[in-house]
């Protein structure tokens, strides 16, 4: 992986810790950017790249847990917490918030580098998933309102004639719409279309039952 497309953010109110962490990361081929507070980090535009965050748990002003919560609202950056005074409740909250690791100071350099490697790998996965989800959503938005209405019904397992009955249209019309949906969603099979509907979290509100 090329470091130019990856970045490690470091947030710690202790200048010596920030400098030591950045020096270690750069010595191991990682691009690092340091901040002395969560507010400074949150107010700084982030690069569009695979990134992770090394975050001090206890800082004056905004705590690490508060930073984690705010970051998670608009992005998926894997977080590695570091602290000199770790405790079980904070660890539990951090992990529930999606932290990938929780390390105590003084930090073991090899352990930290392994944690960063794992976090960056996770960041690449999250970015691929986000791009796939965005592309799938764009395909869904290309459907007409009627086609968007049909898709969850078809994916739920209803037969064409049952979908026709639910919507008050002919079975032939359903077949035509189904073909258009398959083409627009770029689905190579109906099973693929069902998976796409599941990924889009499409649900039908229809509770109508039919005889086989």
N, C-alpha and C. Protein backbone atom coordinates (compact mmCIF):
# COMPACT_ATOMS: atom_id res chain seq x y z
N UNK A 1 0.84 -1.19 0.00
CA UNK A 1 0.00 0.00 0.00
C UNK A 1 0.88 1.24 0.00
N UNK A 2 0.48 2.28 -0.72
CA UNK A 2 1.26 3.49 -0.81
C UNK A 2 0.85 4.46 0.30
N UNK A 3 1.87 4.95 1.04
CA UNK A 3 1.58 5.84 2.15
C UNK A 3 0.95 7.14 1.70
N UNK A 4 1.17 7.54 0.42
CA UNK A 4 0.61 8.79 -0.08
C UNK A 4 -0.91 8.78 -0.03
N UNK A 5 -1.52 7.60 -0.09
CA UNK A 5 -2.97 7.51 -0.06
C UNK A 5 -3.47 7.16 1.33
N UNK A 6 -2.59 7.23 2.31
CA UNK A 6 -2.93 6.87 3.69
C UNK A 6 -2.42 7.94 4.64
N UNK A 7 -3.10 8.08 5.77
CA UNK A 7 -2.70 9.12 6.72
C UNK A 7 -3.09 8.69 8.13
N UNK A 8 -2.19 8.97 9.07
CA UNK A 8 -2.47 8.70 10.48
C UNK A 8 -2.59 10.04 11.20
N UNK A 9 -3.76 10.29 11.78
CA UNK A 9 -3.96 11.50 12.59
C UNK A 9 -3.61 11.19 14.04
N UNK A 10 -2.91 12.10 14.68
CA UNK A 10 -2.53 11.93 16.08
C UNK A 10 -3.09 13.11 16.88
N UNK A 11 -3.89 12.81 17.91
CA UNK A 11 -4.43 13.86 18.77
C UNK A 11 -3.99 13.60 20.20
N UNK A 12 -3.17 14.49 20.74
CA UNK A 12 -2.70 14.38 22.12
C UNK A 12 -2.31 15.78 22.59
N UNK A 13 -2.71 16.13 23.80
CA UNK A 13 -2.39 17.47 24.30
C UNK A 13 -0.94 17.60 24.76
N UNK A 14 -0.21 16.49 24.85
CA UNK A 14 1.20 16.52 25.25
C UNK A 14 2.08 16.61 23.99
N UNK A 15 2.78 17.74 23.83
CA UNK A 15 3.59 17.95 22.64
C UNK A 15 4.64 16.87 22.46
N UNK A 16 5.26 16.44 23.56
CA UNK A 16 6.32 15.43 23.45
C UNK A 16 5.76 14.11 22.93
N UNK A 17 4.57 13.77 23.39
CA UNK A 17 3.94 12.54 22.91
C UNK A 17 3.61 12.65 21.43
N UNK A 18 3.05 13.79 21.02
CA UNK A 18 2.72 13.99 19.60
C UNK A 18 3.95 13.85 18.73
N UNK A 19 5.02 14.52 19.14
CA UNK A 19 6.24 14.49 18.32
C UNK A 19 6.85 13.09 18.27
N UNK A 20 6.83 12.39 19.40
CA UNK A 20 7.39 11.04 19.44
C UNK A 20 6.58 10.08 18.57
N UNK A 21 5.26 10.20 18.63
CA UNK A 21 4.40 9.33 17.83
C UNK A 21 4.58 9.60 16.34
N UNK A 22 4.62 10.86 15.96
CA UNK A 22 4.79 11.20 14.55
C UNK A 22 6.15 10.72 14.04
N UNK A 23 7.19 10.87 14.86
CA UNK A 23 8.52 10.41 14.45
C UNK A 23 8.53 8.89 14.26
N UNK A 24 7.89 8.17 15.18
CA UNK A 24 7.82 6.72 15.07
C UNK A 24 7.06 6.30 13.82
N UNK A 25 5.93 6.92 13.58
CA UNK A 25 5.11 6.58 12.42
C UNK A 25 5.86 6.85 11.12
N UNK A 26 6.50 8.00 11.04
CA UNK A 26 7.23 8.34 9.82
C UNK A 26 8.42 7.43 9.60
N UNK A 27 9.04 7.00 10.69
CA UNK A 27 10.16 6.06 10.57
C UNK A 27 9.70 4.72 10.04
N UNK A 28 8.40 4.45 10.21
CA UNK A 28 7.83 3.19 9.71
C UNK A 28 7.03 3.41 8.43
N UNK A 29 7.33 4.50 7.73
CA UNK A 29 6.74 4.72 6.42
C UNK A 29 5.33 5.27 6.40
N UNK A 30 4.87 5.78 7.54
CA UNK A 30 3.52 6.32 7.61
C UNK A 30 3.53 7.84 7.57
N UNK A 31 2.59 8.42 6.85
CA UNK A 31 2.39 9.85 6.84
C UNK A 31 1.55 10.21 8.06
N UNK A 32 2.02 11.14 8.89
CA UNK A 32 1.31 11.48 10.13
C UNK A 32 1.05 12.97 10.21
N UNK A 33 -0.08 13.32 10.84
CA UNK A 33 -0.42 14.72 11.07
C UNK A 33 -0.93 14.85 12.50
N UNK A 34 -0.36 15.79 13.26
CA UNK A 34 -0.65 15.89 14.69
C UNK A 34 -1.53 17.10 15.02
N UNK A 35 -2.33 16.93 16.09
CA UNK A 35 -3.20 17.99 16.60
C UNK A 35 -3.12 17.98 18.12
N UNK A 36 -3.20 19.18 18.72
CA UNK A 36 -3.09 19.24 20.17
C UNK A 36 -4.42 19.17 20.89
N UNK A 37 -5.51 19.11 20.13
CA UNK A 37 -6.83 19.00 20.75
C UNK A 37 -7.83 18.41 19.76
N UNK A 38 -8.91 17.87 20.32
CA UNK A 38 -9.96 17.35 19.46
C UNK A 38 -10.62 18.44 18.64
N UNK A 39 -10.77 19.63 19.22
CA UNK A 39 -11.40 20.73 18.50
C UNK A 39 -10.58 21.13 17.29
N UNK A 40 -9.25 21.20 17.44
CA UNK A 40 -8.40 21.55 16.30
C UNK A 40 -8.57 20.54 15.18
N UNK A 41 -8.62 19.25 15.55
CA UNK A 41 -8.79 18.21 14.54
C UNK A 41 -10.13 18.34 13.84
N UNK A 42 -11.20 18.53 14.62
CA UNK A 42 -12.54 18.60 14.05
C UNK A 42 -12.72 19.83 13.16
N UNK A 43 -11.99 20.90 13.45
CA UNK A 43 -12.10 22.13 12.66
C UNK A 43 -11.21 22.12 11.41
N UNK A 44 -10.41 21.07 11.24
CA UNK A 44 -9.49 21.00 10.11
C UNK A 44 -10.05 20.08 9.02
N UNK A 45 -10.13 20.55 7.78
CA UNK A 45 -10.61 19.68 6.69
C UNK A 45 -9.73 18.44 6.57
N UNK A 46 -10.37 17.28 6.38
CA UNK A 46 -9.61 16.03 6.30
C UNK A 46 -9.41 15.63 4.85
N UNK A 47 -8.27 14.97 4.60
CA UNK A 47 -7.96 14.51 3.26
C UNK A 47 -8.85 13.32 2.87
N UNK A 48 -9.10 13.20 1.58
CA UNK A 48 -9.87 12.08 1.07
C UNK A 48 -8.92 10.91 0.85
N UNK A 49 -8.66 10.18 1.93
CA UNK A 49 -7.73 9.05 1.84
C UNK A 49 -8.05 8.08 2.97
N UNK A 50 -7.43 6.91 2.91
CA UNK A 50 -7.58 5.93 3.98
C UNK A 50 -6.83 6.46 5.19
N UNK A 51 -7.53 6.61 6.31
CA UNK A 51 -6.90 7.22 7.48
C UNK A 51 -7.35 6.52 8.76
N UNK A 52 -6.52 6.67 9.79
CA UNK A 52 -6.92 6.23 11.12
C UNK A 52 -6.54 7.32 12.11
N UNK A 53 -7.03 7.19 13.32
CA UNK A 53 -6.85 8.22 14.32
C UNK A 53 -6.27 7.62 15.60
N UNK A 54 -5.12 8.15 16.03
CA UNK A 54 -4.56 7.80 17.34
C UNK A 54 -5.02 8.90 18.28
N UNK A 55 -5.81 8.54 19.26
CA UNK A 55 -6.54 9.53 20.05
C UNK A 55 -6.30 9.33 21.55
N UNK A 56 -5.82 10.40 22.19
CA UNK A 56 -5.62 10.36 23.64
C UNK A 56 -6.99 10.34 24.32
N UNK A 57 -7.16 9.47 25.29
CA UNK A 57 -8.45 9.34 25.95
C UNK A 57 -8.78 10.55 26.81
N UNK A 58 -7.80 10.98 27.60
CA UNK A 58 -8.06 12.06 28.56
C UNK A 58 -7.29 13.31 28.16
N UNK A 59 -8.05 14.35 27.77
CA UNK A 59 -7.46 15.63 27.39
C UNK A 59 -8.28 16.75 28.00
N UNK A 60 -7.66 17.88 28.28
CA UNK A 60 -8.44 19.01 28.78
C UNK A 60 -9.45 19.47 27.74
N UNK A 61 -10.58 19.95 28.20
CA UNK A 61 -11.62 20.36 27.26
C UNK A 61 -12.39 19.16 26.75
N UNK A 62 -12.27 18.89 25.47
CA UNK A 62 -12.99 17.78 24.85
C UNK A 62 -12.23 16.48 25.04
N UNK A 63 -12.89 15.50 25.63
CA UNK A 63 -12.24 14.21 25.88
C UNK A 63 -12.15 13.39 24.60
N UNK A 64 -11.33 12.34 24.65
CA UNK A 64 -11.20 11.45 23.50
C UNK A 64 -12.52 10.80 23.12
N UNK A 65 -13.31 10.41 24.12
CA UNK A 65 -14.59 9.77 23.83
C UNK A 65 -15.54 10.75 23.13
N UNK A 66 -15.49 12.01 23.52
CA UNK A 66 -16.33 13.02 22.86
C UNK A 66 -15.89 13.22 21.41
N UNK A 67 -14.58 13.25 21.20
CA UNK A 67 -14.06 13.38 19.84
C UNK A 67 -14.51 12.20 18.99
N UNK A 68 -14.38 10.99 19.55
CA UNK A 68 -14.79 9.78 18.83
C UNK A 68 -16.25 9.86 18.41
N UNK A 69 -17.11 10.31 19.32
CA UNK A 69 -18.53 10.39 19.01
C UNK A 69 -18.81 11.38 17.89
N UNK A 70 -18.15 12.53 17.93
CA UNK A 70 -18.37 13.55 16.91
C UNK A 70 -17.82 13.11 15.56
N UNK A 71 -16.67 12.47 15.55
CA UNK A 71 -16.07 12.00 14.30
C UNK A 71 -16.96 10.94 13.64
N UNK A 72 -17.53 10.07 14.46
CA UNK A 72 -18.32 8.96 13.93
C UNK A 72 -19.62 9.42 13.27
N UNK A 73 -20.03 10.65 13.53
CA UNK A 73 -21.28 11.15 12.97
C UNK A 73 -21.20 11.40 11.47
N UNK A 74 -20.00 11.74 10.98
CA UNK A 74 -19.89 12.08 9.56
C UNK A 74 -18.79 11.33 8.83
N UNK A 75 -18.13 10.39 9.49
CA UNK A 75 -17.08 9.63 8.82
C UNK A 75 -16.83 8.32 9.55
N UNK A 76 -16.09 7.44 8.91
CA UNK A 76 -15.74 6.16 9.50
C UNK A 76 -14.21 6.04 9.55
N UNK A 77 -13.62 6.69 10.52
CA UNK A 77 -12.18 6.62 10.70
C UNK A 77 -11.87 5.69 11.87
N UNK A 78 -11.17 4.58 11.62
CA UNK A 78 -10.82 3.68 12.72
C UNK A 78 -10.02 4.44 13.79
N UNK A 79 -10.37 4.21 15.05
CA UNK A 79 -9.75 4.94 16.16
C UNK A 79 -8.94 3.99 17.04
N UNK A 80 -7.71 4.41 17.36
CA UNK A 80 -6.87 3.72 18.33
C UNK A 80 -6.74 4.65 19.53
N UNK A 81 -7.28 4.23 20.67
CA UNK A 81 -7.18 5.06 21.86
C UNK A 81 -5.87 4.78 22.59
N UNK A 82 -5.27 5.85 23.13
CA UNK A 82 -4.10 5.71 23.98
C UNK A 82 -4.37 6.46 25.27
N UNK A 83 -3.90 5.92 26.39
CA UNK A 83 -4.14 6.57 27.67
C UNK A 83 -3.10 6.14 28.69
N UNK A 84 -2.84 7.02 29.64
CA UNK A 84 -1.94 6.69 30.73
C UNK A 84 -2.69 6.17 31.92
N UNK A 85 -4.01 6.33 31.89
CA UNK A 85 -4.82 5.88 33.02
C UNK A 85 -6.07 5.18 32.49
N UNK A 86 -5.85 4.04 31.90
CA UNK A 86 -6.97 3.30 31.33
C UNK A 86 -7.87 2.74 32.41
N UNK A 87 -9.14 2.64 32.14
CA UNK A 87 -10.07 2.02 33.07
C UNK A 87 -11.10 1.24 32.27
N UNK A 88 -11.70 0.26 32.93
CA UNK A 88 -12.62 -0.64 32.23
C UNK A 88 -13.83 0.09 31.64
N UNK A 89 -14.53 0.97 32.39
CA UNK A 89 -15.68 1.65 31.79
C UNK A 89 -15.33 2.44 30.53
N UNK A 90 -14.20 3.16 30.55
CA UNK A 90 -13.80 3.93 29.37
C UNK A 90 -13.47 3.02 28.20
N UNK A 91 -12.81 1.89 28.51
CA UNK A 91 -12.48 0.94 27.46
C UNK A 91 -13.74 0.39 26.79
N UNK A 92 -14.73 0.07 27.62
CA UNK A 92 -15.99 -0.46 27.10
C UNK A 92 -16.68 0.57 26.22
N UNK A 93 -16.73 1.82 26.67
CA UNK A 93 -17.35 2.88 25.88
C UNK A 93 -16.62 3.10 24.56
N UNK A 94 -15.29 3.06 24.62
CA UNK A 94 -14.50 3.26 23.41
C UNK A 94 -14.76 2.15 22.40
N UNK A 95 -14.78 0.92 22.87
CA UNK A 95 -15.00 -0.22 21.97
C UNK A 95 -16.42 -0.21 21.41
N UNK A 96 -17.39 0.15 22.24
CA UNK A 96 -18.77 0.24 21.75
C UNK A 96 -18.88 1.33 20.69
N UNK A 97 -18.05 2.36 20.80
CA UNK A 97 -18.06 3.44 19.82
C UNK A 97 -17.33 3.09 18.54
N UNK A 98 -16.73 1.90 18.49
CA UNK A 98 -16.08 1.44 17.27
C UNK A 98 -14.57 1.49 17.28
N UNK A 99 -13.95 1.77 18.44
CA UNK A 99 -12.49 1.81 18.50
C UNK A 99 -11.91 0.45 18.12
N UNK A 100 -10.80 0.47 17.38
CA UNK A 100 -10.18 -0.79 16.95
C UNK A 100 -9.15 -1.29 17.95
N UNK A 101 -8.67 -0.39 18.84
CA UNK A 101 -7.69 -0.82 19.85
C UNK A 101 -7.66 0.20 20.98
N UNK A 102 -7.12 -0.23 22.11
CA UNK A 102 -7.03 0.61 23.30
C UNK A 102 -5.70 0.30 23.96
N UNK A 103 -4.75 1.22 23.83
CA UNK A 103 -3.38 0.99 24.30
C UNK A 103 -3.04 1.91 25.46
N UNK A 104 -2.25 1.41 26.41
CA UNK A 104 -1.86 2.21 27.56
C UNK A 104 -0.42 2.68 27.43
N UNK A 105 -0.17 3.89 27.94
CA UNK A 105 1.17 4.46 27.95
C UNK A 105 1.96 3.89 29.14
N UNK A 106 3.26 3.72 29.04
CA UNK A 106 4.08 3.97 27.84
C UNK A 106 3.78 2.93 26.76
N UNK A 107 3.73 3.40 25.53
CA UNK A 107 3.32 2.55 24.42
C UNK A 107 4.45 1.65 23.96
N UNK A 108 4.10 0.41 23.65
CA UNK A 108 5.05 -0.50 23.01
C UNK A 108 5.03 -0.19 21.52
N UNK A 109 6.19 0.15 20.97
CA UNK A 109 6.25 0.61 19.59
C UNK A 109 5.74 -0.43 18.60
N UNK A 110 6.15 -1.68 18.77
CA UNK A 110 5.71 -2.72 17.83
C UNK A 110 4.19 -2.92 17.90
N UNK A 111 3.65 -2.88 19.12
CA UNK A 111 2.21 -3.04 19.29
C UNK A 111 1.46 -1.91 18.62
N UNK A 112 1.96 -0.69 18.77
CA UNK A 112 1.31 0.46 18.16
C UNK A 112 1.34 0.37 16.63
N UNK A 113 2.48 0.02 16.08
CA UNK A 113 2.58 -0.08 14.62
C UNK A 113 1.66 -1.16 14.08
N UNK A 114 1.56 -2.29 14.78
CA UNK A 114 0.63 -3.34 14.35
C UNK A 114 -0.81 -2.84 14.40
N UNK A 115 -1.13 -2.07 15.45
CA UNK A 115 -2.48 -1.53 15.58
C UNK A 115 -2.78 -0.55 14.44
N UNK A 116 -1.79 0.28 14.10
CA UNK A 116 -1.97 1.23 13.00
C UNK A 116 -2.15 0.49 11.67
N UNK A 117 -1.33 -0.54 11.45
CA UNK A 117 -1.46 -1.32 10.21
C UNK A 117 -2.86 -1.90 10.08
N UNK A 118 -3.36 -2.45 11.20
CA UNK A 118 -4.70 -3.05 11.19
C UNK A 118 -5.77 -1.98 10.97
N UNK A 119 -5.59 -0.82 11.59
CA UNK A 119 -6.57 0.26 11.44
C UNK A 119 -6.60 0.80 10.02
N UNK A 120 -5.44 0.94 9.39
CA UNK A 120 -5.39 1.43 8.01
C UNK A 120 -6.02 0.40 7.07
N UNK A 121 -5.75 -0.88 7.32
CA UNK A 121 -6.38 -1.92 6.51
C UNK A 121 -7.90 -1.85 6.64
N UNK A 122 -8.36 -1.62 7.87
CA UNK A 122 -9.80 -1.48 8.11
C UNK A 122 -10.34 -0.25 7.39
N UNK A 123 -9.57 0.83 7.37
CA UNK A 123 -10.00 2.06 6.68
C UNK A 123 -10.19 1.82 5.19
N UNK A 124 -9.31 1.03 4.58
CA UNK A 124 -9.46 0.71 3.16
C UNK A 124 -10.75 -0.06 2.91
N UNK A 125 -11.05 -1.01 3.80
CA UNK A 125 -12.29 -1.78 3.67
C UNK A 125 -13.50 -0.87 3.77
N UNK A 126 -13.49 0.02 4.76
CA UNK A 126 -14.61 0.94 4.95
C UNK A 126 -14.80 1.85 3.75
N UNK A 127 -13.70 2.31 3.16
CA UNK A 127 -13.79 3.18 1.99
C UNK A 127 -14.38 2.43 0.79
N UNK A 128 -13.94 1.17 0.61
CA UNK A 128 -14.50 0.38 -0.50
C UNK A 128 -15.99 0.15 -0.29
N UNK A 129 -16.38 -0.15 0.94
CA UNK A 129 -17.79 -0.38 1.23
C UNK A 129 -18.61 0.89 1.01
N UNK A 130 -18.04 2.03 1.41
CA UNK A 130 -18.75 3.30 1.24
C UNK A 130 -18.92 3.63 -0.24
N UNK A 131 -17.89 3.38 -1.05
CA UNK A 131 -17.98 3.65 -2.49
C UNK A 131 -19.00 2.73 -3.14
N UNK A 132 -19.00 1.46 -2.73
CA UNK A 132 -19.97 0.51 -3.28
C UNK A 132 -21.39 0.94 -2.92
N UNK A 133 -21.58 1.35 -1.66
CA UNK A 133 -22.91 1.77 -1.22
C UNK A 133 -23.38 3.00 -1.98
N UNK A 134 -22.46 3.93 -2.21
CA UNK A 134 -22.82 5.15 -2.95
C UNK A 134 -23.19 4.82 -4.39
N UNK A 135 -22.43 3.91 -5.00
CA UNK A 135 -22.71 3.53 -6.39
C UNK A 135 -24.06 2.81 -6.48
N UNK A 136 -24.33 1.96 -5.50
CA UNK A 136 -25.60 1.23 -5.49
C UNK A 136 -26.77 2.18 -5.28
N UNK A 137 -26.59 3.15 -4.40
CA UNK A 137 -27.64 4.14 -4.17
C UNK A 137 -27.90 4.96 -5.44
N UNK A 138 -26.85 5.27 -6.18
CA UNK A 138 -27.01 6.03 -7.42
C UNK A 138 -27.82 5.22 -8.44
N UNK A 139 -27.55 3.91 -8.52
CA UNK A 139 -28.32 3.06 -9.42
C UNK A 139 -29.80 3.06 -9.02
N UNK A 140 -30.04 2.95 -7.71
CA UNK A 140 -31.41 2.93 -7.21
C UNK A 140 -32.13 4.24 -7.54
N UNK A 141 -31.41 5.36 -7.41
CA UNK A 141 -32.02 6.65 -7.69
C UNK A 141 -32.34 6.83 -9.17
N UNK A 142 -31.71 6.00 -10.03
CA UNK A 142 -32.01 6.08 -11.46
C UNK A 142 -33.34 5.42 -11.81
N UNK A 143 -33.92 4.68 -10.89
CA UNK A 143 -35.21 4.04 -11.12
C UNK A 143 -36.33 5.07 -11.05
N UNK A 144 -37.40 4.81 -11.78
CA UNK A 144 -38.57 5.67 -11.69
C UNK A 144 -39.27 5.40 -10.35
N UNK A 145 -40.14 6.31 -9.90
CA UNK A 145 -40.87 6.06 -8.65
C UNK A 145 -41.62 4.73 -8.66
N UNK A 146 -42.21 4.36 -9.78
CA UNK A 146 -42.92 3.08 -9.85
C UNK A 146 -41.96 1.91 -9.72
N UNK A 147 -40.80 2.02 -10.37
CA UNK A 147 -39.81 0.95 -10.28
C UNK A 147 -39.26 0.83 -8.85
N UNK A 148 -39.10 1.96 -8.18
CA UNK A 148 -38.66 1.92 -6.78
C UNK A 148 -39.73 1.28 -5.90
N UNK A 149 -40.98 1.43 -6.29
CA UNK A 149 -42.09 0.82 -5.56
C UNK A 149 -42.10 -0.69 -5.78
N UNK A 150 -41.77 -1.10 -6.98
CA UNK A 150 -41.80 -2.53 -7.32
C UNK A 150 -40.62 -3.30 -6.71
N UNK A 151 -39.45 -2.68 -6.67
CA UNK A 151 -38.25 -3.42 -6.28
C UNK A 151 -38.37 -4.16 -4.95
N UNK A 152 -38.79 -3.51 -3.86
CA UNK A 152 -38.88 -4.26 -2.60
C UNK A 152 -39.93 -5.37 -2.63
N UNK A 153 -40.99 -5.17 -3.42
CA UNK A 153 -42.00 -6.21 -3.53
C UNK A 153 -41.44 -7.44 -4.25
N UNK A 154 -40.72 -7.19 -5.34
CA UNK A 154 -40.10 -8.30 -6.06
C UNK A 154 -39.06 -9.00 -5.20
N UNK A 155 -38.24 -8.21 -4.52
CA UNK A 155 -37.17 -8.79 -3.71
C UNK A 155 -37.69 -9.56 -2.51
N UNK A 156 -38.91 -9.24 -2.10
CA UNK A 156 -39.49 -9.94 -0.94
C UNK A 156 -39.92 -11.36 -1.27
N UNK A 157 -39.93 -11.69 -2.58
CA UNK A 157 -40.28 -13.05 -2.97
C UNK A 157 -41.66 -13.19 -3.58
N UNK A 158 -42.37 -12.08 -3.72
CA UNK A 158 -43.69 -12.15 -4.34
C UNK A 158 -43.56 -12.48 -5.83
N UNK A 159 -44.51 -13.26 -6.33
CA UNK A 159 -44.57 -13.55 -7.76
C UNK A 159 -45.05 -12.31 -8.51
N UNK A 160 -44.78 -12.30 -9.81
CA UNK A 160 -45.21 -11.15 -10.61
C UNK A 160 -46.71 -10.89 -10.48
N UNK A 161 -47.50 -11.95 -10.49
CA UNK A 161 -48.95 -11.77 -10.39
C UNK A 161 -49.36 -11.22 -9.03
N UNK A 162 -48.59 -11.57 -8.00
CA UNK A 162 -48.89 -11.05 -6.67
C UNK A 162 -48.52 -9.58 -6.56
N UNK A 163 -47.39 -9.21 -7.14
CA UNK A 163 -47.01 -7.80 -7.17
C UNK A 163 -48.05 -7.00 -7.94
N UNK A 164 -48.51 -7.56 -9.05
CA UNK A 164 -49.52 -6.89 -9.87
C UNK A 164 -50.79 -6.64 -9.06
N UNK A 165 -51.17 -7.63 -8.25
CA UNK A 165 -52.37 -7.49 -7.43
C UNK A 165 -52.19 -6.41 -6.35
N UNK A 166 -51.01 -6.36 -5.76
CA UNK A 166 -50.74 -5.36 -4.73
C UNK A 166 -50.84 -3.94 -5.30
N UNK A 167 -50.29 -3.75 -6.49
CA UNK A 167 -50.22 -2.42 -7.08
C UNK A 167 -51.38 -2.08 -8.00
N UNK A 168 -52.20 -3.07 -8.30
CA UNK A 168 -53.35 -2.82 -9.17
C UNK A 168 -52.96 -2.59 -10.61
N UNK A 169 -51.94 -3.33 -11.07
CA UNK A 169 -51.50 -3.24 -12.46
C UNK A 169 -51.49 -4.64 -13.05
N UNK A 170 -51.21 -4.74 -14.34
CA UNK A 170 -51.23 -6.05 -14.98
C UNK A 170 -49.90 -6.79 -14.73
N UNK A 171 -49.96 -8.09 -14.83
CA UNK A 171 -48.76 -8.90 -14.66
C UNK A 171 -47.73 -8.58 -15.75
N UNK A 172 -48.23 -8.30 -16.96
CA UNK A 172 -47.31 -7.95 -18.05
C UNK A 172 -46.54 -6.66 -17.71
N UNK A 173 -47.24 -5.69 -17.14
CA UNK A 173 -46.59 -4.43 -16.76
C UNK A 173 -45.50 -4.69 -15.72
N UNK A 174 -45.78 -5.58 -14.79
CA UNK A 174 -44.77 -5.93 -13.78
C UNK A 174 -43.55 -6.54 -14.46
N UNK A 175 -43.78 -7.42 -15.43
CA UNK A 175 -42.67 -8.06 -16.14
C UNK A 175 -41.81 -7.02 -16.86
N UNK A 176 -42.47 -6.04 -17.48
CA UNK A 176 -41.73 -4.98 -18.19
C UNK A 176 -40.90 -4.16 -17.21
N UNK A 177 -41.53 -3.77 -16.10
CA UNK A 177 -40.81 -2.99 -15.08
C UNK A 177 -39.64 -3.80 -14.50
N UNK A 178 -39.88 -5.08 -14.29
CA UNK A 178 -38.82 -5.94 -13.73
C UNK A 178 -37.59 -5.94 -14.64
N UNK A 179 -37.83 -6.02 -15.96
CA UNK A 179 -36.71 -5.99 -16.90
C UNK A 179 -35.96 -4.67 -16.84
N UNK A 180 -36.72 -3.58 -16.74
CA UNK A 180 -36.08 -2.26 -16.64
C UNK A 180 -35.27 -2.14 -15.36
N UNK A 181 -35.81 -2.66 -14.27
CA UNK A 181 -35.12 -2.59 -12.98
C UNK A 181 -33.81 -3.38 -13.04
N UNK A 182 -33.86 -4.58 -13.58
CA UNK A 182 -32.66 -5.41 -13.69
C UNK A 182 -31.58 -4.68 -14.49
N UNK A 183 -31.98 -4.04 -15.59
CA UNK A 183 -31.01 -3.35 -16.43
C UNK A 183 -30.42 -2.14 -15.72
N UNK A 184 -31.28 -1.32 -15.13
CA UNK A 184 -30.80 -0.10 -14.48
C UNK A 184 -29.95 -0.40 -13.24
N UNK A 185 -30.28 -1.47 -12.53
CA UNK A 185 -29.50 -1.84 -11.34
C UNK A 185 -28.26 -2.64 -11.71
N UNK A 186 -28.09 -2.92 -13.01
CA UNK A 186 -26.94 -3.68 -13.50
C UNK A 186 -26.82 -5.04 -12.78
N UNK A 187 -27.97 -5.65 -12.56
CA UNK A 187 -28.04 -6.95 -11.89
C UNK A 187 -27.96 -8.06 -12.93
N UNK A 188 -26.98 -8.95 -12.80
CA UNK A 188 -26.82 -10.03 -13.77
C UNK A 188 -27.73 -11.22 -13.48
N UNK A 189 -28.43 -11.19 -12.36
CA UNK A 189 -29.37 -12.25 -12.02
C UNK A 189 -30.37 -11.70 -11.01
N UNK A 190 -31.47 -12.41 -10.84
CA UNK A 190 -32.46 -11.96 -9.87
C UNK A 190 -31.90 -12.08 -8.46
N UNK A 191 -31.05 -13.08 -8.21
CA UNK A 191 -30.43 -13.23 -6.90
C UNK A 191 -29.58 -12.00 -6.56
N UNK A 192 -28.89 -11.47 -7.57
CA UNK A 192 -28.10 -10.26 -7.37
C UNK A 192 -29.01 -9.08 -7.02
N UNK A 193 -30.14 -9.00 -7.69
CA UNK A 193 -31.10 -7.92 -7.42
C UNK A 193 -31.61 -8.00 -5.98
N UNK A 194 -31.88 -9.20 -5.52
CA UNK A 194 -32.34 -9.39 -4.14
C UNK A 194 -31.27 -8.93 -3.15
N UNK A 195 -30.02 -9.28 -3.43
CA UNK A 195 -28.92 -8.84 -2.55
C UNK A 195 -28.81 -7.32 -2.54
N UNK A 196 -28.97 -6.72 -3.72
CA UNK A 196 -28.90 -5.27 -3.80
C UNK A 196 -30.00 -4.61 -2.97
N UNK A 197 -31.20 -5.16 -3.06
CA UNK A 197 -32.32 -4.62 -2.28
C UNK A 197 -32.03 -4.74 -0.78
N UNK A 198 -31.42 -5.85 -0.40
CA UNK A 198 -31.06 -6.05 1.00
C UNK A 198 -30.02 -5.04 1.45
N UNK A 199 -29.02 -4.80 0.59
CA UNK A 199 -27.97 -3.82 0.92
C UNK A 199 -28.53 -2.41 1.02
N UNK A 200 -29.55 -2.13 0.22
CA UNK A 200 -30.21 -0.83 0.26
C UNK A 200 -31.20 -0.73 1.42
N UNK A 201 -31.40 -1.86 2.09
CA UNK A 201 -32.34 -1.93 3.22
C UNK A 201 -33.75 -1.53 2.80
N UNK A 202 -34.15 -2.04 1.65
CA UNK A 202 -35.49 -1.77 1.16
C UNK A 202 -36.45 -2.75 1.79
N UNK A 203 -37.54 -2.23 2.28
CA UNK A 203 -38.55 -3.08 2.89
C UNK A 203 -39.90 -2.73 2.31
N UNK A 204 -40.74 -3.73 2.21
CA UNK A 204 -42.09 -3.49 1.74
C UNK A 204 -43.04 -3.42 2.93
N UNK A 205 -43.96 -2.48 2.85
CA UNK A 205 -44.95 -2.36 3.93
C UNK A 205 -46.17 -3.23 3.67
N UNK A 206 -46.14 -3.93 2.56
CA UNK A 206 -47.28 -4.77 2.20
C UNK A 206 -47.39 -5.96 3.11
N UNK A 207 -48.57 -6.17 3.67
CA UNK A 207 -48.82 -7.33 4.52
C UNK A 207 -49.82 -8.28 3.88
N UNK A 208 -50.08 -8.02 2.59
CA UNK A 208 -51.04 -8.84 1.86
C UNK A 208 -50.53 -10.26 1.71
N UNK A 209 -51.37 -11.24 1.92
CA UNK A 209 -51.00 -12.63 1.75
C UNK A 209 -51.74 -13.20 0.56
N UNK A 210 -51.10 -14.19 -0.05
CA UNK A 210 -51.67 -14.77 -1.26
C UNK A 210 -51.64 -16.28 -1.15
N UNK A 211 -52.54 -16.88 -1.83
CA UNK A 211 -52.50 -18.35 -1.95
C UNK A 211 -51.48 -18.71 -3.00
N UNK A 212 -50.82 -19.81 -2.81
CA UNK A 212 -49.83 -20.26 -3.78
C UNK A 212 -50.50 -20.57 -5.11
